[in-house]
PDB file of N, CA and C in Angstrom:
ATOM      1  N   UNK A   1      52.426  70.009 110.983  1.00  0.00           N
ATOM      2  CA  UNK A   1      53.559  69.997 110.081  1.00  0.00           C
ATOM      3  C   UNK A   1      53.624  68.624 109.410  1.00  0.00           C
ATOM      4  N   UNK A   2      53.773  68.604 108.118  1.00  0.00           N
ATOM      5  CA  UNK A   2      53.838  67.377 107.338  1.00  0.00           C
ATOM      6  C   UNK A   2      55.253  66.806 107.391  1.00  0.00           C
ATOM      7  N   UNK A   3      55.432  65.580 107.957  1.00  0.00           N
ATOM      8  CA  UNK A   3      56.780  65.025 108.066  1.00  0.00           C
ATOM      9  C   UNK A   3      57.400  64.682 106.717  1.00  0.00           C
ATOM     10  N   UNK A   4      56.589  64.585 105.664  1.00  0.00           N
ATOM     11  CA  UNK A   4      57.117  64.273 104.342  1.00  0.00           C
ATOM     12  C   UNK A   4      57.394  65.522 103.503  1.00  0.00           C
ATOM     13  N   UNK A   5      57.093  66.687 104.059  1.00  0.00           N
ATOM     14  CA  UNK A   5      57.323  67.935 103.336  1.00  0.00           C
ATOM     15  C   UNK A   5      58.824  68.211 103.247  1.00  0.00           C
ATOM     16  N   UNK A   6      59.218  68.899 102.182  1.00  0.00           N
ATOM     17  CA  UNK A   6      60.620  69.266 102.014  1.00  0.00           C
ATOM     18  C   UNK A   6      61.019  70.263 103.095  1.00  0.00           C
ATOM     19  N   UNK A   7      62.259  70.195 103.564  1.00  0.00           N
ATOM     20  CA  UNK A   7      62.704  71.151 104.580  1.00  0.00           C
ATOM     21  C   UNK A   7      62.700  72.570 104.024  1.00  0.00           C
ATOM     22  N   UNK A   8      62.605  73.537 104.948  1.00  0.00           N
ATOM     23  CA  UNK A   8      62.614  74.944 104.535  1.00  0.00           C
ATOM     24  C   UNK A   8      63.923  75.258 103.820  1.00  0.00           C
ATOM     25  N   UNK A   9      63.892  76.221 102.908  1.00  0.00           N
ATOM     26  CA  UNK A   9      65.080  76.594 102.146  1.00  0.00           C
ATOM     27  C   UNK A   9      66.200  77.102 103.021  1.00  0.00           C
ATOM     28  N   UNK A  10      67.363  77.183 102.434  1.00  0.00           N
ATOM     29  CA  UNK A  10      68.534  77.648 103.166  1.00  0.00           C
ATOM     30  C   UNK A  10      68.499  79.151 103.384  1.00  0.00           C
ATOM     31  N   UNK A  11      67.763  79.898 102.561  1.00  0.00           N
ATOM     32  CA  UNK A  11      67.675  81.352 102.703  1.00  0.00           C
ATOM     33  C   UNK A  11      66.345  81.692 103.357  1.00  0.00           C
ATOM     34  N   UNK A  12      66.410  82.429 104.467  1.00  0.00           N
ATOM     35  CA  UNK A  12      65.211  82.832 105.197  1.00  0.00           C
ATOM     36  C   UNK A  12      65.187  84.350 105.296  1.00  0.00           C
ATOM     37  N   UNK A  13      64.007  84.924 105.347  1.00  0.00           N
ATOM     38  CA  UNK A  13      63.848  86.378 105.464  1.00  0.00           C
ATOM     39  C   UNK A  13      63.549  86.755 106.905  1.00  0.00           C
ATOM     40  N   UNK A  14      63.937  87.975 107.264  1.00  0.00           N
ATOM     41  CA  UNK A  14      63.673  88.455 108.608  1.00  0.00           C
ATOM     42  C   UNK A  14      64.015  89.923 108.741  1.00  0.00           C
ATOM     43  N   UNK A  15      64.122  90.380 109.992  1.00  0.00           N
ATOM     44  CA  UNK A  15      64.440  91.775 110.297  1.00  0.00           C
ATOM     45  C   UNK A  15      65.505  91.831 111.384  1.00  0.00           C
ATOM     46  N   UNK A  16      66.418  92.811 111.265  1.00  0.00           N
ATOM     47  CA  UNK A  16      67.406  93.034 112.324  1.00  0.00           C
ATOM     48  C   UNK A  16      66.674  93.497 113.573  1.00  0.00           C
ATOM     49  N   UNK A  17      66.998  92.896 114.694  1.00  0.00           N
ATOM     50  CA  UNK A  17      66.368  93.284 115.950  1.00  0.00           C
ATOM     51  C   UNK A  17      67.335  94.041 116.862  1.00  0.00           C
ATOM     52  N   UNK A  18      68.610  93.610 116.855  1.00  0.00           N
ATOM     53  CA  UNK A  18      69.576  94.246 117.753  1.00  0.00           C
ATOM     54  C   UNK A  18      70.998  93.913 117.337  1.00  0.00           C
ATOM     55  N   UNK A  19      71.900  94.856 117.614  1.00  0.00           N
ATOM     56  CA  UNK A  19      73.328  94.615 117.479  1.00  0.00           C
ATOM     57  C   UNK A  19      73.762  93.905 118.747  1.00  0.00           C
ATOM     58  N   UNK A  20      74.542  92.833 118.630  1.00  0.00           N
ATOM     59  CA  UNK A  20      74.991  92.096 119.807  1.00  0.00           C
ATOM     60  C   UNK A  20      76.456  92.373 120.134  1.00  0.00           C
ATOM     61  N   UNK A  21      77.357  92.064 119.184  1.00  0.00           N
ATOM     62  CA  UNK A  21      78.791  92.199 119.439  1.00  0.00           C
ATOM     63  C   UNK A  21      79.528  92.045 118.122  1.00  0.00           C
ATOM     64  N   UNK A  22      80.486  92.919 117.852  1.00  0.00           N
ATOM     65  CA  UNK A  22      81.296  92.883 116.630  1.00  0.00           C
ATOM     66  C   UNK A  22      80.440  92.796 115.383  1.00  0.00           C
ATOM     67  N   UNK A  23      80.332  91.584 114.806  1.00  0.00           N
ATOM     68  CA  UNK A  23      79.553  91.390 113.577  1.00  0.00           C
ATOM     69  C   UNK A  23      78.338  90.493 113.812  1.00  0.00           C
ATOM     70  N   UNK A  24      77.910  90.370 115.074  1.00  0.00           N
ATOM     71  CA  UNK A  24      76.767  89.523 115.427  1.00  0.00           C
ATOM     72  C   UNK A  24      75.524  90.359 115.673  1.00  0.00           C
ATOM     73  N   UNK A  25      74.424  89.907 115.109  1.00  0.00           N
ATOM     74  CA  UNK A  25      73.147  90.597 115.241  1.00  0.00           C
ATOM     75  C   UNK A  25      72.063  89.608 115.611  1.00  0.00           C
ATOM     76  N   UNK A  26      71.070  90.095 116.311  1.00  0.00           N
ATOM     77  CA  UNK A  26      69.861  89.325 116.581  1.00  0.00           C
ATOM     78  C   UNK A  26      68.912  89.580 115.412  1.00  0.00           C
ATOM     79  N   UNK A  27      68.370  88.501 114.826  1.00  0.00           N
ATOM     80  CA  UNK A  27      67.476  88.592 113.682  1.00  0.00           C
ATOM     81  C   UNK A  27      66.196  87.839 114.007  1.00  0.00           C
ATOM     82  N   UNK A  28      65.063  88.495 113.792  1.00  0.00           N
ATOM     83  CA  UNK A  28      63.785  87.804 113.940  1.00  0.00           C
ATOM     84  C   UNK A  28      63.331  87.378 112.550  1.00  0.00           C
ATOM     85  N   UNK A  29      63.248  86.071 112.346  1.00  0.00           N
ATOM     86  CA  UNK A  29      62.811  85.540 111.064  1.00  0.00           C
ATOM     87  C   UNK A  29      61.320  85.780 110.889  1.00  0.00           C
ATOM     88  N   UNK A  30      60.844  85.698 109.650  1.00  0.00           N
ATOM     89  CA  UNK A  30      59.439  85.959 109.363  1.00  0.00           C
ATOM     90  C   UNK A  30      58.498  85.017 110.098  1.00  0.00           C
ATOM     91  N   UNK A  31      58.993  83.848 110.505  1.00  0.00           N
ATOM     92  CA  UNK A  31      58.136  82.916 111.239  1.00  0.00           C
ATOM     93  C   UNK A  31      58.136  83.175 112.744  1.00  0.00           C
ATOM     94  N   UNK A  32      58.819  84.258 113.184  1.00  0.00           N
ATOM     95  CA  UNK A  32      58.806  84.659 114.584  1.00  0.00           C
ATOM     96  C   UNK A  32      59.980  84.150 115.403  1.00  0.00           C
ATOM     97  N   UNK A  33      60.778  83.244 114.877  1.00  0.00           N
ATOM     98  CA  UNK A  33      61.933  82.715 115.593  1.00  0.00           C
ATOM     99  C   UNK A  33      63.049  83.755 115.576  1.00  0.00           C
ATOM    100  N   UNK A  34      63.696  83.960 116.722  1.00  0.00           N
ATOM    101  CA  UNK A  34      64.812  84.893 116.810  1.00  0.00           C
ATOM    102  C   UNK A  34      66.111  84.104 116.860  1.00  0.00           C
ATOM    103  N   UNK A  35      67.071  84.488 116.016  1.00  0.00           N
ATOM    104  CA  UNK A  35      68.354  83.804 115.924  1.00  0.00           C
ATOM    105  C   UNK A  35      69.487  84.823 116.020  1.00  0.00           C
ATOM    106  N   UNK A  36      70.689  84.326 116.212  1.00  0.00           N
ATOM    107  CA  UNK A  36      71.894  85.150 116.132  1.00  0.00           C
ATOM    108  C   UNK A  36      72.543  84.857 114.792  1.00  0.00           C
ATOM    109  N   UNK A  37      72.870  85.917 114.064  1.00  0.00           N
ATOM    110  CA  UNK A  37      73.466  85.758 112.736  1.00  0.00           C
ATOM    111  C   UNK A  37      74.671  86.680 112.608  1.00  0.00           C
ATOM    112  N   UNK A  38      75.607  86.270 111.772  1.00  0.00           N
ATOM    113  CA  UNK A  38      76.799  87.059 111.501  1.00  0.00           C
ATOM    114  C   UNK A  38      76.546  87.909 110.245  1.00  0.00           C
ATOM    115  N   UNK A  39      77.014  89.165 110.287  1.00  0.00           N
ATOM    116  CA  UNK A  39      76.858  90.055 109.136  1.00  0.00           C
ATOM    117  C   UNK A  39      78.232  90.346 108.546  1.00  0.00           C
ATOM    118  N   UNK A  40      78.416  90.075 107.241  1.00  0.00           N
ATOM    119  CA  UNK A  40      79.689  90.398 106.594  1.00  0.00           C
ATOM    120  C   UNK A  40      79.931  91.911 106.594  1.00  0.00           C
ATOM    121  N   UNK A  41      81.188  92.277 106.636  1.00  0.00           N
ATOM    122  CA  UNK A  41      81.574  93.685 106.691  1.00  0.00           C
ATOM    123  C   UNK A  41      80.988  94.515 105.549  1.00  0.00           C
ATOM    124  N   UNK A  42      80.861  93.940 104.356  1.00  0.00           N
ATOM    125  CA  UNK A  42      80.349  94.699 103.214  1.00  0.00           C
ATOM    126  C   UNK A  42      78.884  95.117 103.366  1.00  0.00           C
ATOM    127  N   UNK A  43      78.162  94.538 104.326  1.00  0.00           N
ATOM    128  CA  UNK A  43      76.756  94.915 104.547  1.00  0.00           C
ATOM    129  C   UNK A  43      76.587  95.882 105.716  1.00  0.00           C
ATOM    130  N   UNK A  44      77.666  96.238 106.401  1.00  0.00           N
ATOM    131  CA  UNK A  44      77.574  97.122 107.562  1.00  0.00           C
ATOM    132  C   UNK A  44      76.955  98.477 107.238  1.00  0.00           C
ATOM    133  N   UNK A  45      77.034  98.922 105.999  1.00  0.00           N
ATOM    134  CA  UNK A  45      76.511 100.252 105.650  1.00  0.00           C
ATOM    135  C   UNK A  45      74.995 100.348 105.865  1.00  0.00           C
ATOM    136  N   UNK A  46      74.306  99.237 105.945  1.00  0.00           N
ATOM    137  CA  UNK A  46      72.854  99.231 106.149  1.00  0.00           C
ATOM    138  C   UNK A  46      72.497  99.549 107.606  1.00  0.00           C
ATOM    139  N   UNK A  47      73.456  99.376 108.508  1.00  0.00           N
ATOM    140  CA  UNK A  47      73.210  99.541 109.943  1.00  0.00           C
ATOM    141  C   UNK A  47      73.934 100.767 110.463  1.00  0.00           C
ATOM    142  N   UNK A  48      73.203 101.682 111.073  1.00  0.00           N
ATOM    143  CA  UNK A  48      73.789 102.875 111.689  1.00  0.00           C
ATOM    144  C   UNK A  48      73.724 102.696 113.203  1.00  0.00           C
ATOM    145  N   UNK A  49      74.867 102.488 113.859  1.00  0.00           N
ATOM    146  CA  UNK A  49      74.849 102.258 115.306  1.00  0.00           C
ATOM    147  C   UNK A  49      74.347 103.452 116.118  1.00  0.00           C
ATOM    148  N   UNK A  50      74.270 104.626 115.504  1.00  0.00           N
ATOM    149  CA  UNK A  50      73.789 105.820 116.201  1.00  0.00           C
ATOM    150  C   UNK A  50      72.270 105.941 116.180  1.00  0.00           C
ATOM    151  N   UNK A  51      71.603 105.099 115.408  1.00  0.00           N
ATOM    152  CA  UNK A  51      70.143 105.127 115.317  1.00  0.00           C
ATOM    153  C   UNK A  51      69.601 103.856 115.953  1.00  0.00           C
ATOM    154  N   UNK A  52      68.859 103.994 117.053  1.00  0.00           N
ATOM    155  CA  UNK A  52      68.327 102.787 117.692  1.00  0.00           C
ATOM    156  C   UNK A  52      67.335 102.070 116.770  1.00  0.00           C
ATOM    157  N   UNK A  53      67.415 100.740 116.768  1.00  0.00           N
ATOM    158  CA  UNK A  53      66.475  99.957 115.968  1.00  0.00           C
ATOM    159  C   UNK A  53      65.120  99.940 116.671  1.00  0.00           C
ATOM    160  N   UNK A  54      64.067 100.217 115.922  1.00  0.00           N
ATOM    161  CA  UNK A  54      62.713 100.133 116.461  1.00  0.00           C
ATOM    162  C   UNK A  54      61.809  99.578 115.372  1.00  0.00           C
ATOM    163  N   UNK A  55      60.532  99.478 115.625  1.00  0.00           N
ATOM    164  CA  UNK A  55      59.631  98.838 114.656  1.00  0.00           C
ATOM    165  C   UNK A  55      59.557  99.581 113.332  1.00  0.00           C
ATOM    166  N   UNK A  56      59.957 100.845 113.305  1.00  0.00           N
ATOM    167  CA  UNK A  56      59.879 101.655 112.096  1.00  0.00           C
ATOM    168  C   UNK A  56      61.111 101.517 111.208  1.00  0.00           C
ATOM    169  N   UNK A  57      62.278 101.368 111.801  1.00  0.00           N
ATOM    170  CA  UNK A  57      63.506 101.409 111.008  1.00  0.00           C
ATOM    171  C   UNK A  57      64.341 100.132 111.075  1.00  0.00           C
ATOM    172  N   UNK A  58      63.711  98.991 111.237  1.00  0.00           N
ATOM    173  CA  UNK A  58      64.461  97.727 111.244  1.00  0.00           C
ATOM    174  C   UNK A  58      64.722  97.263 109.815  1.00  0.00           C
ATOM    175  N   UNK A  59      65.985  97.159 109.418  1.00  0.00           N
ATOM    176  CA  UNK A  59      66.287  96.690 108.066  1.00  0.00           C
ATOM    177  C   UNK A  59      65.817  95.241 107.853  1.00  0.00           C
ATOM    178  N   UNK A  60      65.361  94.961 106.644  1.00  0.00           N
ATOM    179  CA  UNK A  60      65.013  93.595 106.257  1.00  0.00           C
ATOM    180  C   UNK A  60      66.286  92.893 105.816  1.00  0.00           C
ATOM    181  N   UNK A  61      66.392  91.611 106.141  1.00  0.00           N
ATOM    182  CA  UNK A  61      67.581  90.844 105.779  1.00  0.00           C
ATOM    183  C   UNK A  61      67.195  89.472 105.242  1.00  0.00           C
ATOM    184  N   UNK A  62      68.086  88.905 104.449  1.00  0.00           N
ATOM    185  CA  UNK A  62      67.995  87.514 104.029  1.00  0.00           C
ATOM    186  C   UNK A  62      69.143  86.801 104.722  1.00  0.00           C
ATOM    187  N   UNK A  63      68.837  85.662 105.325  1.00  0.00           N
ATOM    188  CA  UNK A  63      69.812  84.930 106.119  1.00  0.00           C
ATOM    189  C   UNK A  63      70.013  83.539 105.527  1.00  0.00           C
ATOM    190  N   UNK A  64      71.268  83.171 105.316  1.00  0.00           N
ATOM    191  CA  UNK A  64      71.597  81.820 104.870  1.00  0.00           C
ATOM    192  C   UNK A  64      71.752  80.945 106.107  1.00  0.00           C
ATOM    193  N   UNK A  65      70.905  79.934 106.220  1.00  0.00           N
ATOM    194  CA  UNK A  65      70.986  79.005 107.336  1.00  0.00           C
ATOM    195  C   UNK A  65      72.091  78.000 107.021  1.00  0.00           C
ATOM    196  N   UNK A  66      73.059  77.862 107.934  1.00  0.00           N
ATOM    197  CA  UNK A  66      74.209  76.993 107.697  1.00  0.00           C
ATOM    198  C   UNK A  66      74.244  75.877 108.743  1.00  0.00           C
ATOM    199  N   UNK A  67      74.960  74.833 108.427  1.00  0.00           N
ATOM    200  CA  UNK A  67      75.088  73.698 109.334  1.00  0.00           C
ATOM    201  C   UNK A  67      75.906  74.097 110.561  1.00  0.00           C
ATOM    202  N   UNK A  68      75.454  73.725 111.769  1.00  0.00           N
ATOM    203  CA  UNK A  68      76.245  73.994 112.967  1.00  0.00           C
ATOM    204  C   UNK A  68      77.602  73.312 112.859  1.00  0.00           C
ATOM    205  N   UNK A  69      78.634  73.908 113.391  1.00  0.00           N
ATOM    206  CA  UNK A  69      78.661  75.012 114.335  1.00  0.00           C
ATOM    207  C   UNK A  69      78.680  76.394 113.692  1.00  0.00           C
ATOM    208  N   UNK A  70      78.629  76.490 112.368  1.00  0.00           N
ATOM    209  CA  UNK A  70      78.635  77.804 111.703  1.00  0.00           C
ATOM    210  C   UNK A  70      77.340  78.549 112.021  1.00  0.00           C
ATOM    211  N   UNK A  71      77.470  79.822 112.333  1.00  0.00           N
ATOM    212  CA  UNK A  71      76.293  80.654 112.589  1.00  0.00           C
ATOM    213  C   UNK A  71      75.597  80.996 111.271  1.00  0.00           C
ATOM    214  N   UNK A  72      74.292  81.243 111.323  1.00  0.00           N
ATOM    215  CA  UNK A  72      73.616  81.739 110.125  1.00  0.00           C
ATOM    216  C   UNK A  72      74.284  83.032 109.669  1.00  0.00           C
ATOM    217  N   UNK A  73      74.266  83.277 108.349  1.00  0.00           N
ATOM    218  CA  UNK A  73      74.968  84.426 107.772  1.00  0.00           C
ATOM    219  C   UNK A  73      73.977  85.319 107.031  1.00  0.00           C
ATOM    220  N   UNK A  74      74.028  86.613 107.313  1.00  0.00           N
ATOM    221  CA  UNK A  74      73.204  87.587 106.598  1.00  0.00           C
ATOM    222  C   UNK A  74      73.823  87.763 105.215  1.00  0.00           C
ATOM    223  N   UNK A  75      73.038  87.501 104.171  1.00  0.00           N
ATOM    224  CA  UNK A  75      73.566  87.563 102.806  1.00  0.00           C
ATOM    225  C   UNK A  75      73.034  88.759 102.025  1.00  0.00           C
ATOM    226  N   UNK A  76      71.964  89.387 102.506  1.00  0.00           N
ATOM    227  CA  UNK A  76      71.419  90.582 101.853  1.00  0.00           C
ATOM    228  C   UNK A  76      70.699  91.409 102.908  1.00  0.00           C
ATOM    229  N   UNK A  77      70.735  92.724 102.731  1.00  0.00           N
ATOM    230  CA  UNK A  77      70.079  93.627 103.671  1.00  0.00           C
ATOM    231  C   UNK A  77      69.483  94.801 102.906  1.00  0.00           C
ATOM    232  N   UNK A  78      68.302  95.217 103.341  1.00  0.00           N
ATOM    233  CA  UNK A  78      67.600  96.340 102.728  1.00  0.00           C
ATOM    234  C   UNK A  78      67.090  97.260 103.822  1.00  0.00           C
ATOM    235  N   UNK A  79      67.218  98.542 103.577  1.00  0.00           N
ATOM    236  CA  UNK A  79      66.699  99.512 104.543  1.00  0.00           C
ATOM    237  C   UNK A  79      65.180  99.383 104.642  1.00  0.00           C
ATOM    238  N   UNK A  80      64.659  99.777 105.783  1.00  0.00           N
ATOM    239  CA  UNK A  80      63.220  99.740 105.995  1.00  0.00           C
ATOM    240  C   UNK A  80      62.530 100.618 104.979  1.00  0.00           C
ATOM    241  N   UNK A  81      61.392 100.165 104.488  1.00  0.00           N
ATOM    242  CA  UNK A  81      60.657 100.945 103.495  1.00  0.00           C
ATOM    243  C   UNK A  81      59.401 101.577 104.100  1.00  0.00           C
ATOM    244  N   UNK A  82      59.448 101.866 105.381  1.00  0.00           N
ATOM    245  CA  UNK A  82      58.309 102.456 106.068  1.00  0.00           C
ATOM    246  C   UNK A  82      57.996 103.832 105.476  1.00  0.00           C
ATOM    247  N   UNK A  83      56.756 104.059 105.140  1.00  0.00           N
ATOM    248  CA  UNK A  83      56.365 105.298 104.460  1.00  0.00           C
ATOM    249  C   UNK A  83      55.526 106.230 105.325  1.00  0.00           C
ATOM    250  N   UNK A  84      55.170 105.833 106.512  1.00  0.00           N
ATOM    251  CA  UNK A  84      54.346 106.671 107.367  1.00  0.00           C
ATOM    252  C   UNK A  84      53.130 105.907 107.839  1.00  0.00           C
ATOM    253  N   UNK A  85      52.366 106.471 108.775  1.00  0.00           N
ATOM    254  CA  UNK A  85      51.209 105.769 109.309  1.00  0.00           C
ATOM    255  C   UNK A  85      50.183 105.439 108.215  1.00  0.00           C
ATOM    256  N   UNK A  86      49.680 104.243 108.296  1.00  0.00           N
ATOM    257  CA  UNK A  86      48.634 103.845 107.356  1.00  0.00           C
ATOM    258  C   UNK A  86      49.121 103.298 106.047  1.00  0.00           C
ATOM    259  N   UNK A  87      50.437 103.265 105.832  1.00  0.00           N
ATOM    260  CA  UNK A  87      50.952 102.769 104.558  1.00  0.00           C
ATOM    261  C   UNK A  87      51.564 101.400 104.731  1.00  0.00           C
TER     262      UNK A  87
END
């Protein structure tokens, strides 16, 4: 890692991994790090609590990384675009 490189952007991409509590979700970022993020109520329609999350139906999310003590915030969510085996 280059110490003179600019820090990573405030918006990171990832996938929902699990519902934790109320509006908290576990999110695995594209770099493999798993974080806890808060999801605003207006994005809840992307998540169906009756359908278990698995590798096929994990919604993609964009997460705004915020300064502690504020939790990272999910700012955009998209349903999985899985099309079937081999695609």
